[in-house]
Amino acid sequence: MWMMVIFDLPVVEETARKTASKFRLYLKDLGFEMAQFSVYVRHTSGKEAVENYLRKIESAMPPEGKVDILQFTDKQYEAITCFRGGGRAASQKAPQQFELF
């Protein structure tokens, strides 16, 4: 499963900018990668992991602004069409998982 966190937080006042930066850093600490400035993605092991991250993000949400979280399967994520620098780019694949014996 993939999670995508999309947010629009106020950044006019200095305290609001600090709060927005703190939220971005929190997402990075949780293992999310920046896809765009206010769009972060992360691969998870399944629905239970998604629920765990949802609770963590909810507890760290700033009091102002908007945060939306999308969830989708590996197959759906691989079907995303990406454009970079005016041309198509290869879509991201799910990370390979290891097997431990």
Protein backbone atom coordinates (compact mmCIF):
# COMPACT_ATOMS: atom_id res chain seq x y z
CA MET A 1 0.00 0.00 0.00
CA TRP A 2 1.06 3.57 -0.64
CA MET A 3 0.09 6.68 1.28
CA MET A 4 0.13 10.18 -0.14
CA VAL A 5 -0.17 13.14 2.22
CA ILE A 6 -1.28 16.34 0.51
CA PHE A 7 -1.47 19.52 2.54
CA ASP A 8 -2.01 23.24 2.32
CA LEU A 9 -0.85 24.98 5.48
CA PRO A 10 -0.74 28.71 6.23
CA VAL A 11 2.74 30.22 5.94
CA VAL A 12 2.12 33.99 6.07
CA GLU A 13 3.20 34.51 9.67
CA GLU A 14 6.54 33.31 11.02
CA THR A 15 4.96 31.03 13.62
CA ALA A 16 2.79 29.43 10.92
CA ARG A 17 5.87 28.85 8.72
CA LYS A 18 7.63 27.16 11.62
CA THR A 19 4.59 24.97 12.27
CA ALA A 20 4.40 23.97 8.58
CA SER A 21 8.14 23.18 8.52
CA LYS A 22 7.81 21.11 11.69
CA PHE A 23 4.98 19.10 10.06
CA ARG A 24 7.09 18.48 6.92
CA LEU A 25 10.02 17.32 9.05
CA TYR A 26 7.70 15.03 11.01
CA LEU A 27 6.54 13.38 7.79
CA LYS A 28 10.17 12.88 6.73
CA ASP A 29 10.94 11.37 10.15
CA LEU A 30 8.08 8.90 9.55
CA GLY A 31 9.77 7.81 6.30
CA PHE A 32 7.77 9.86 3.82
CA GLU A 33 9.54 11.25 0.76
CA MET A 34 8.75 14.60 -0.80
CA ALA A 35 7.10 14.20 -4.23
CA GLN A 36 6.33 17.93 -4.46
CA PHE A 37 6.60 20.71 -1.90
CA SER A 38 3.32 19.87 -0.11
CA VAL A 39 2.96 16.27 -1.32
CA TYR A 40 4.68 13.40 0.50
CA VAL A 41 4.51 9.67 -0.29
CA ARG A 42 5.43 6.50 1.55
CA HIS A 43 5.22 2.78 0.86
CA THR A 44 3.73 0.74 3.70
CA SER A 45 3.36 -2.95 4.43
CA GLY A 46 -0.45 -2.90 4.37
CA LYS A 47 -3.68 -1.54 5.82
CA GLU A 48 -2.62 -1.96 9.46
CA ALA A 49 0.50 0.12 8.83
CA VAL A 50 -1.62 2.75 7.05
CA GLU A 51 -3.91 3.00 10.08
CA ASN A 52 -0.88 3.39 12.35
CA TYR A 53 0.50 6.24 10.22
CA LEU A 54 -2.94 7.88 10.03
CA ARG A 55 -3.09 8.04 13.84
CA LYS A 56 0.44 9.47 14.05
CA ILE A 57 -0.21 12.12 11.40
CA GLU A 58 -3.53 13.07 12.98
CA SER A 59 -1.82 13.67 16.32
CA ALA A 60 0.83 15.90 14.67
CA MET A 61 -1.48 17.93 12.43
CA PRO A 62 -1.20 21.70 12.72
CA PRO A 63 -4.32 23.45 14.08
CA GLU A 64 -4.79 25.44 10.83
CA GLY A 65 -4.78 24.36 7.20
CA LYS A 66 -5.88 21.33 5.25
CA VAL A 67 -4.38 17.83 5.16
CA ASP A 68 -5.67 15.05 2.90
CA ILE A 69 -4.33 11.50 2.85
CA LEU A 70 -4.79 9.16 -0.10
CA GLN A 71 -4.25 5.40 0.05
CA PHE A 72 -3.68 3.16 -2.95
CA THR A 73 -2.24 -0.17 -3.96
CA ASP A 74 1.15 -0.80 -5.57
CA LYS A 75 -0.54 -1.49 -8.91
CA GLN A 76 -2.49 1.79 -8.77
CA TYR A 77 0.67 3.72 -7.86
CA GLU A 78 2.61 2.19 -10.77
CA ALA A 79 -0.13 3.43 -13.15
CA ILE A 80 0.61 7.09 -12.33
CA THR A 81 1.74 9.08 -15.37
CA CYS A 82 4.64 11.39 -14.48
CA PHE A 83 5.99 14.35 -16.44
CA ARG A 84 9.38 15.87 -15.61
CA GLY A 85 10.96 18.73 -17.52
CA GLY A 86 8.30 18.66 -20.25
CA GLY A 87 8.52 14.92 -20.94
CA ARG A 88 7.28 11.65 -19.55
CA ALA A 89 9.23 10.02 -16.78
CA ALA A 90 9.16 6.44 -15.58
CA SER A 91 6.66 5.84 -12.80
CA GLN A 92 7.97 4.81 -9.42
CA LYS A 93 7.85 1.12 -8.53
CA ALA A 94 7.15 -0.36 -5.12
CA PRO A 95 10.34 -1.07 -3.17
CA GLN A 96 11.56 -4.64 -3.23
CA GLN A 97 10.98 -6.53 -0.01
CA PHE A 98 13.48 -8.86 1.51
CA GLU A 99 12.88 -12.38 2.55
CA LEU A 100 14.40 -13.50 5.80
CA PHE A 101 15.04 -17.18 6.32
